[in-house]
Protein backbone atom coordinates (compact mmCIF):
# COMPACT_ATOMS: atom_id res chain seq x y z
CA UNK A 1 95.91 69.63 89.71
CA UNK A 2 98.93 68.78 91.51
CA UNK A 3 100.83 71.05 89.88
CA UNK A 4 98.56 73.97 90.16
CA UNK A 5 98.34 73.34 93.64
CA UNK A 6 101.92 73.37 94.32
CA UNK A 7 102.37 76.66 92.40
CA UNK A 8 99.66 78.16 94.50
CA UNK A 9 101.57 77.01 97.67
CA UNK A 10 104.99 78.48 96.54
CA UNK A 11 103.56 81.62 95.47
CA UNK A 12 101.71 81.79 99.07
CA UNK A 13 105.00 80.80 100.69
CA UNK A 14 107.10 83.59 98.75
CA UNK A 15 104.57 86.13 99.83
CA UNK A 16 103.39 85.23 103.22
CA UNK A 17 106.65 86.23 105.38
CA UNK A 18 105.95 89.75 104.07
CA UNK A 19 102.48 90.20 104.31
CA UNK A 20 102.56 89.03 107.84
CA UNK A 21 105.24 92.11 108.60
CA UNK A 22 102.76 94.39 106.71
CA UNK A 23 99.86 93.44 108.45
CA UNK A 24 101.64 93.80 111.97
CA UNK A 25 102.80 97.62 110.67
CA UNK A 26 99.05 98.31 109.34
CA UNK A 27 98.25 97.24 112.62
CA UNK A 28 100.44 100.05 114.33
CA UNK A 29 99.42 102.93 112.01
CA UNK A 30 95.71 102.29 112.76
CA UNK A 31 96.29 102.00 116.48
CA UNK A 32 98.87 104.68 116.77
CA UNK A 33 98.04 107.53 114.06
CA UNK A 34 94.49 109.31 115.28
CA UNK A 35 92.61 110.14 111.86
CA UNK A 36 91.71 113.32 113.80
CA UNK A 37 95.45 114.27 113.35
CA UNK A 38 95.58 113.42 109.76
CA UNK A 39 92.61 115.88 109.11
CA UNK A 40 94.36 118.86 110.83
CA UNK A 41 97.33 118.40 108.34
CA UNK A 42 95.35 118.00 105.53
CA UNK A 43 93.17 121.34 105.55
CA UNK A 44 94.07 123.87 103.01
CA UNK A 45 94.43 123.91 99.13
CA UNK A 46 98.12 124.63 99.06
CA UNK A 47 100.75 121.80 97.93
CA UNK A 48 101.91 121.22 101.53
CA UNK A 49 98.23 119.28 101.95
CA UNK A 50 98.64 117.54 98.95
CA UNK A 51 102.14 116.15 99.41
CA UNK A 52 100.96 115.38 103.31
CA UNK A 53 97.98 113.23 101.94
CA UNK A 54 100.52 111.74 99.68
CA UNK A 55 102.68 110.80 102.63
CA UNK A 56 100.09 109.92 104.77
CA UNK A 57 98.43 107.48 102.21
CA UNK A 58 101.26 105.37 100.85
CA UNK A 59 101.98 103.21 103.48
CA UNK A 60 98.43 102.76 104.68
CA UNK A 61 97.01 99.37 103.81
CA UNK A 62 93.38 100.33 102.55
CA UNK A 63 91.85 98.86 99.62
CA UNK A 64 89.98 101.12 96.83
CA UNK A 65 86.44 100.11 98.45
CA UNK A 66 88.08 100.70 102.02
CA UNK A 67 89.79 104.22 101.27
CA UNK A 68 86.80 105.48 100.12
CA UNK A 69 84.96 106.44 103.23
CA UNK A 70 88.10 107.18 105.01
CA UNK A 71 88.58 109.55 102.41
CA UNK A 72 85.14 111.52 102.48
CA UNK A 73 85.43 111.29 106.19
CA UNK A 74 88.84 113.24 105.98
CA UNK A 75 87.07 115.52 103.66
CA UNK A 76 84.07 116.32 106.04
CA UNK A 77 86.72 116.80 108.50
CA UNK A 78 87.88 119.64 107.15
CA UNK A 79 90.55 118.32 104.34
CA UNK A 80 90.50 120.19 101.23
CA UNK A 81 89.62 118.24 97.88
CA UNK A 82 93.10 118.63 96.67
CA UNK A 83 94.47 116.75 99.86
CA UNK A 84 91.27 114.10 99.43
CA UNK A 85 91.78 113.44 95.87
CA UNK A 86 95.79 113.11 96.83
CA UNK A 87 94.93 110.68 99.22
CA UNK A 88 92.58 108.63 97.23
CA UNK A 89 94.99 108.23 94.37
CA UNK A 90 98.12 107.38 96.51
CA UNK A 91 96.14 105.05 99.15
CA UNK A 92 94.80 101.88 97.30
CA UNK A 93 98.01 101.79 95.23
CA UNK A 94 100.14 100.76 97.79
CA UNK A 95 100.38 99.88 101.46
CA UNK A 96 103.56 98.68 103.80
CA UNK A 97 101.60 94.89 103.10
CA UNK A 98 101.59 95.29 99.25
CA UNK A 99 105.37 97.09 99.32
CA UNK A 100 106.66 93.83 100.93
CA UNK A 101 104.86 91.58 99.04
CA UNK A 102 105.55 93.05 95.91
CA UNK A 103 109.57 92.78 97.02
CA UNK A 104 108.74 89.16 97.67
CA UNK A 105 107.60 88.33 94.47
CA UNK A 106 108.58 90.99 91.93
CA UNK A 107 111.73 92.10 93.11
CA UNK A 108 113.17 95.36 94.91
CA UNK A 109 112.68 97.68 91.44
CA UNK A 110 109.02 96.99 91.41
CA UNK A 111 108.94 97.68 95.34
CA UNK A 112 110.71 100.82 94.86
CA UNK A 113 109.19 102.25 91.58
CA UNK A 114 105.63 101.31 92.98
CA UNK A 115 105.47 103.82 96.21
CA UNK A 116 107.42 106.45 94.07
CA UNK A 117 105.00 106.29 91.28
CA UNK A 118 101.95 106.44 93.81
CA UNK A 119 103.72 109.54 95.06
CA UNK A 120 103.99 111.19 91.73
CA UNK A 121 100.78 110.55 90.57
CA UNK A 122 98.91 111.32 94.01
CA UNK A 123 100.73 114.97 93.80
CA UNK A 124 99.90 115.47 90.50
CA UNK A 125 95.99 114.96 90.85
CA UNK A 126 96.35 116.50 93.93
CA UNK A 127 97.76 119.70 92.55
CA UNK A 128 95.47 119.56 89.31
CA UNK A 129 92.43 119.43 91.79
CA UNK A 130 94.07 122.45 93.81
CA UNK A 131 94.19 124.71 90.96
CA UNK A 132 90.40 124.24 90.36
CA UNK A 133 89.28 124.20 93.68
CA UNK A 134 87.03 126.78 95.11
CA UNK A 135 87.07 126.88 99.17
CA UNK A 136 83.72 125.40 100.52
CA UNK A 137 83.01 124.99 104.36
CA UNK A 138 82.82 121.53 105.41
CA UNK A 139 79.81 120.16 105.45
CA UNK A 140 78.50 120.60 109.23
CA UNK A 141 75.47 118.36 109.44
CA UNK A 142 77.55 115.01 108.72
CA UNK A 143 77.60 113.31 112.05
CA UNK A 144 80.95 111.28 111.61
CA UNK A 145 82.84 109.23 114.08
CA UNK A 146 85.50 110.05 116.17
CA UNK A 147 85.06 107.47 119.08
CA UNK A 148 89.24 107.16 119.60
CA UNK A 149 90.08 110.46 119.30
CA UNK A 150 89.21 111.55 122.75
CA UNK A 151 90.39 108.66 124.43
CA UNK A 152 93.82 107.94 126.00
CA UNK A 153 94.03 104.68 125.72
CA UNK A 154 96.88 102.47 127.56
CA UNK A 155 99.93 101.19 125.58
CA UNK A 156 99.05 97.66 125.71
CA UNK A 157 95.36 98.26 124.93
CA UNK A 158 96.63 99.95 121.56
CA UNK A 159 99.32 97.25 121.33
CA UNK A 160 96.24 94.57 121.61
CA UNK A 161 93.91 96.99 119.31
CA UNK A 162 97.01 96.87 116.64
CA UNK A 163 97.37 93.26 116.61
CA UNK A 164 93.53 92.74 115.97
CA UNK A 165 93.27 95.24 113.31
CA UNK A 166 96.54 93.81 111.57
CA UNK A 167 95.87 90.05 111.89
CA UNK A 168 91.91 89.68 111.99
CA UNK A 169 90.45 93.18 110.27
CA UNK A 170 92.90 93.56 107.67
CA UNK A 171 92.89 89.76 106.98
CA UNK A 172 89.04 90.21 106.48
CA UNK A 173 89.38 93.15 104.61
CA UNK A 174 91.98 92.00 101.63
CA UNK A 175 92.19 88.31 102.48
CA UNK A 176 89.29 87.14 99.61
CA UNK A 177 90.85 89.42 97.04
CA UNK A 178 94.62 88.01 98.17
CA UNK A 179 92.94 84.65 97.31
CA UNK A 180 91.53 85.17 94.25
CA UNK A 181 94.54 86.57 92.98
CA UNK A 182 96.77 83.86 93.98
CA UNK A 183 94.22 81.37 92.27
CA UNK A 184 94.12 83.71 88.92
CA UNK A 185 97.70 83.74 89.04
CA UNK A 186 98.46 79.89 89.43
CA UNK A 187 95.92 79.24 86.92
CA UNK A 188 97.61 81.27 84.47
CA UNK A 189 101.00 80.15 85.67
CA UNK A 190 99.99 76.11 84.95
CA UNK A 191 97.63 76.18 82.06
CA UNK A 192 98.30 79.42 79.99
CA UNK A 193 100.71 78.72 76.83
CA UNK A 194 104.57 80.01 77.54
CA UNK A 195 105.01 83.21 75.37
CA UNK A 196 101.53 83.80 75.17
CA UNK A 197 102.34 87.64 75.16
CA UNK A 198 105.65 87.76 73.37
CA UNK A 199 103.88 89.21 70.16
CA UNK A 200 102.41 91.99 72.56
CA UNK A 201 106.30 93.10 73.45
CA UNK A 202 106.58 94.43 70.25
CA UNK A 203 103.83 97.03 71.03
CA UNK A 204 104.17 98.12 74.68
CA UNK A 205 101.94 100.79 74.73
CA UNK A 206 99.05 98.61 72.95
CA UNK A 207 99.39 96.17 75.76
CA UNK A 208 99.24 98.94 78.48
CA UNK A 209 96.06 100.13 76.92
CA UNK A 210 94.84 96.93 76.97
CA UNK A 211 95.53 96.30 80.84
CA UNK A 212 93.97 99.85 81.39
CA UNK A 213 90.75 98.72 79.46
CA UNK A 214 90.66 95.42 81.61
CA UNK A 215 91.95 97.19 84.79
CA UNK A 216 89.28 99.68 85.37
CA UNK A 217 86.27 97.56 85.36
CA UNK A 218 87.87 94.88 87.18
CA UNK A 219 88.30 95.50 91.37
CA UNK A 220 91.54 94.02 92.59
CA UNK A 221 93.54 95.05 95.72
CA UNK A 222 97.21 96.18 95.68
CA UNK A 223 98.67 93.16 97.06
CA UNK A 224 96.32 90.89 95.23
CA UNK A 225 97.10 92.24 91.71
CA UNK A 226 100.97 91.21 92.76
CA UNK A 227 100.74 87.30 91.72
CA UNK A 228 98.47 88.24 88.61
CA UNK A 229 101.25 90.58 87.34
CA UNK A 230 104.05 88.07 88.22
CA UNK A 231 102.04 85.34 86.49
CA UNK A 232 101.40 87.49 83.07
CA UNK A 233 105.21 88.38 83.21
CA UNK A 234 105.97 85.05 82.96
CA UNK A 235 103.93 84.57 80.15
CA UNK A 236 105.78 87.23 78.06
CA UNK A 237 104.04 90.37 79.36
CA UNK A 238 106.05 93.13 79.66
CA UNK A 239 107.14 94.77 83.18
CA UNK A 240 105.80 98.17 82.03
CA UNK A 241 102.47 96.94 80.92
CA UNK A 242 102.57 94.81 84.24
CA UNK A 243 103.14 97.74 86.32
CA UNK A 244 99.91 99.37 84.73
CA UNK A 245 97.83 96.62 85.94
CA UNK A 246 99.85 97.02 89.66
CA UNK A 247 98.97 100.87 89.58
CA UNK A 248 95.44 100.98 87.66
CA UNK A 249 93.77 98.13 88.61
CA UNK A 250 93.75 98.88 92.81
CA UNK A 251 93.16 102.76 92.13
CA UNK A 252 90.74 103.07 89.14
CA UNK A 253 87.33 101.27 89.07
CA UNK A 254 83.87 101.96 88.51
CA UNK A 255 82.66 102.03 92.28
CA UNK A 256 85.92 104.51 92.92
CA UNK A 257 85.00 106.92 90.23
CA UNK A 258 81.01 106.97 91.38
CA UNK A 259 82.15 107.68 94.97
CA UNK A 260 84.58 110.33 94.15
CA UNK A 261 82.22 112.08 91.67
CA UNK A 262 79.81 112.62 94.34
CA UNK A 263 82.05 113.33 97.24
CA UNK A 264 84.31 115.82 95.21
CA UNK A 265 82.49 116.79 92.34
CA UNK A 266 82.82 115.30 88.62
CA UNK A 267 85.64 117.70 87.48
CA UNK A 268 87.73 116.29 90.37
CA UNK A 269 86.44 112.95 89.56
CA UNK A 270 87.54 113.59 85.93
CA UNK A 271 91.05 114.90 87.07
CA UNK A 272 91.19 111.52 89.42
CA UNK A 273 90.76 108.75 86.76
CA UNK A 274 92.74 110.67 83.88
CA UNK A 275 95.55 111.09 86.15
CA UNK A 276 95.85 107.70 86.94
CA UNK A 277 95.48 106.44 83.46
CA UNK A 278 98.17 108.65 81.92
CA UNK A 279 100.42 108.57 84.70
CA UNK A 280 100.43 104.45 84.80
CA UNK A 281 101.03 104.16 81.01
CA UNK A 282 103.76 107.03 81.64
CA UNK A 283 105.41 105.04 84.30
CA UNK A 284 105.04 101.81 82.19
CA UNK A 285 106.90 103.27 78.95
CA UNK A 286 109.59 104.44 81.68
CA UNK A 287 110.03 101.26 82.67
CA UNK A 288 110.04 99.19 79.36
CA UNK A 289 112.36 102.10 77.29
CA UNK A 290 114.38 103.72 79.73
CA UNK A 291 115.08 101.44 82.66
CA UNK A 292 117.28 98.36 82.61
CA UNK A 293 114.96 95.53 81.98
CA UNK A 294 117.45 93.23 84.09
CA UNK A 295 116.03 95.49 87.32
CA UNK A 296 112.73 93.81 86.67
CA UNK A 297 113.29 90.52 85.19
CA UNK A 298 116.02 89.33 87.91
CA UNK A 299 113.35 87.95 90.30
CA UNK A 300 111.49 86.13 87.35
CA UNK A 301 115.02 84.46 86.56
CA UNK A 302 114.70 82.96 90.06
CA UNK A 303 111.47 81.40 89.64
CA UNK A 304 111.40 77.73 88.98
CA UNK A 305 110.17 76.41 85.97
CA UNK A 306 108.06 73.82 87.19
CA UNK A 307 106.29 73.27 90.24
CA UNK A 308 108.12 70.37 91.46
CA UNK A 309 110.88 72.41 91.74
CA UNK A 310 109.52 74.65 94.11
CA UNK A 311 111.43 74.74 97.41
CA UNK A 312 110.35 77.01 100.48
CA UNK A 313 112.53 77.47 103.93
CA UNK A 314 110.99 77.22 107.09
CA UNK A 315 110.13 80.61 107.49
CA UNK A 316 108.19 80.90 104.70
CA UNK A 317 106.65 77.33 105.43
CA UNK A 318 105.59 78.63 108.91
CA UNK A 319 104.48 82.18 107.46
CA UNK A 320 101.95 80.30 104.81
CA UNK A 321 100.57 77.78 107.42
CA UNK A 322 100.06 81.02 109.69
CA UNK A 323 98.53 83.10 107.11
CA UNK A 324 96.31 80.34 105.98
CA UNK A 325 94.92 79.75 109.53
CA UNK A 326 94.17 83.57 109.57
CA UNK A 327 92.45 83.60 106.13
CA UNK A 328 90.38 80.47 107.58
CA UNK A 329 89.43 82.74 110.83
CA UNK A 330 88.75 85.46 109.12
CA UNK A 331 86.86 84.64 106.13
CA UNK A 332 84.84 81.53 106.47
CA UNK A 333 82.46 83.37 109.43
CA UNK A 334 81.57 86.01 106.46
CA UNK A 335 81.06 82.97 103.82
CA UNK A 336 79.07 81.00 106.47
CA UNK A 337 77.05 84.07 107.16
CA UNK A 338 76.43 84.80 103.79
CA UNK A 339 74.69 81.56 103.37
CA UNK A 340 72.62 81.67 106.18
CA UNK A 341 71.47 84.86 104.96
CA UNK A 342 70.52 83.32 101.92
CA UNK A 343 68.95 79.99 103.26
CA UNK A 344 67.53 81.14 106.72
CA UNK A 345 63.91 81.43 106.41
CA UNK A 346 63.00 79.34 109.43
CA UNK A 347 59.57 80.30 111.64
CA UNK A 348 62.01 80.73 114.84
CA UNK A 349 64.05 83.27 112.96
CA UNK A 350 60.89 85.18 111.65
CA UNK A 351 59.13 85.15 115.55
CA UNK A 352 62.75 86.22 116.81
CA UNK A 353 62.67 89.15 114.07
CA UNK A 354 58.87 90.03 115.09
CA UNK A 355 59.52 90.56 118.55
CA UNK A 356 61.81 93.64 118.06
CA UNK A 357 60.10 94.76 114.55
CA UNK A 358 58.85 97.76 116.27
CA UNK A 359 62.02 99.00 117.37
CA UNK A 360 64.32 97.73 114.36
CA UNK A 361 64.50 98.99 110.54
CA UNK A 362 66.35 97.67 107.81
CA UNK A 363 67.50 99.94 105.30
CA UNK A 364 69.60 99.17 102.00
CA UNK A 365 73.04 100.58 101.40
CA UNK A 366 74.85 100.18 98.23
CA UNK A 367 78.78 100.48 97.95
CA UNK A 368 80.11 98.62 100.95
CA UNK A 369 82.44 96.26 99.91
CA UNK A 370 84.83 95.41 102.78
CA UNK A 371 85.03 95.44 106.87
CA UNK A 372 86.52 98.97 106.56
CA UNK A 373 83.02 100.12 105.04
CA UNK A 374 81.24 98.21 107.26
CA UNK A 375 82.77 99.36 110.54
CA UNK A 376 82.60 103.16 109.23
CA UNK A 377 78.65 102.36 108.31
CA UNK A 378 78.16 101.20 111.97
CA UNK A 379 80.13 103.63 113.50
CA UNK A 380 78.47 106.51 111.79
CA UNK A 381 74.94 105.71 112.34
CA UNK A 382 75.67 104.55 115.91
CA UNK A 383 76.30 108.41 116.31
CA UNK A 384 73.00 109.45 115.96
CA UNK A 385 70.69 110.48 118.31
CA UNK A 386 68.31 107.96 118.96
CA UNK A 387 70.03 105.09 117.92
CA UNK A 388 70.09 102.12 120.51
CA UNK A 389 72.09 99.57 118.08
CA UNK A 390 73.48 98.97 114.67
CA UNK A 391 74.25 95.83 112.51
CA UNK A 392 75.40 95.82 109.03
CA UNK A 393 75.37 92.81 106.71
CA UNK A 394 77.95 92.91 103.80
CA UNK A 395 76.39 89.71 102.22
CA UNK A 396 73.03 91.72 101.83
CA UNK A 397 74.11 95.54 101.78
CA UNK A 398 71.77 96.01 104.49
CA UNK A 399 72.10 97.88 107.98
CA UNK A 400 69.79 96.91 110.53
CA UNK A 401 68.99 99.88 113.07
CA UNK A 402 67.32 99.80 116.50
CA UNK A 403 65.93 102.87 118.14
CA UNK A 404 63.80 105.69 117.05
CA UNK A 405 66.11 107.65 114.71
CA UNK A 406 64.61 109.50 111.55
CA UNK A 407 65.58 108.02 108.15
CA UNK A 408 66.51 110.71 106.93
CA UNK A 409 69.16 111.62 109.40
CA UNK A 410 70.35 107.54 108.17
CA UNK A 411 70.39 108.81 104.58
CA UNK A 412 72.30 111.79 105.34
CA UNK A 413 74.78 110.14 107.48
CA UNK A 414 75.12 107.40 104.73
CA UNK A 415 75.55 109.68 101.92
CA UNK A 416 78.21 111.57 103.82
CA UNK A 417 80.34 108.63 104.27
CA UNK A 418 80.30 108.15 100.55
CA UNK A 419 77.75 105.30 100.07
CA UNK A 420 74.34 104.84 98.30
CA UNK A 421 71.23 105.31 100.75
CA UNK A 422 68.38 102.71 98.78
CA UNK A 423 65.92 103.46 101.63
CA UNK A 424 63.93 100.83 103.64
CA UNK A 425 64.56 96.74 102.68
């Protein structure tokens, strides 16, 4: 158990300074790059909009569930299917936080190849969708949030917003998956026998197909996949197969495919998943067969073989402590709230609810996974006429709406945002 804890601390310390830097840059992007500007640049079906969508998406630190409502909103604001597909493919694979963390654990080769692969894949998928796309007028009846576009906020207000988004909202969004990824990686590193995957090294393509089969049903964010890939390589998995996990794991899962199919059409969804899978395997083969292996094994050679030999600098220790505090502040209220939701059936709660039952209705909404999803639904419903207040509970997948807004308007808005409306709870 001590070795497991030491391994977990070492991995966290290695990643923490780069993750914190990524969170800071992510906050700046969120606060100073308005979504309306992105939508203007992503209209049209030509290759230029596809390239812009990929370049917009690569640095954005959105996970595969958080990117879905963003992409749907871009589509409703005038972005083409081609550009939306390019954005959907590029964004979850990378992000400034995951690129920095990739460099810290896997080395510069992975950190360079990863965004380049995201760019190439998104361009291919977007151009294929653009070739079969028929121009359609964006739906005019979808009320989507544009609260910040018309405001000219002072610099300091935007900067404070950037800090909150980067070091709180982002931690809420991917912190849980980062913890899960670190724990899985530590368990693999400590308990899985050495050289377990050496036999798979003789058949890299079969190993990549197996990784794809595991990655598609599994949800893992771009940053959370890094320690898992590292631990699998330490056990003998080839760099190319590990890269397939880094690429296909965050970008392709059943939830993403379902939303893409509904928002962009079945043909676009088929191109979306096919492009990701084939590109991941192709780039994995390039890594294993064409590129020097020393590029991808160099950082692994520097990894300590035993947890007792792990040594972290003061910067890594301070960063790890700071990130741990942020994780606790961001995630503990969510977990406590989830427990209260499941166990709170007291008479005081029921009487308090009865006081506003005439004004408030609760609706079940499927597909929400992170604070990005929660914020999108709350902002979207809040814009509807007659809505006085709205609160989304991620643990129960519900939205409590106070006011006189028709359920049909709520259903239309929720569906437009890319989620499933299941009616009143």
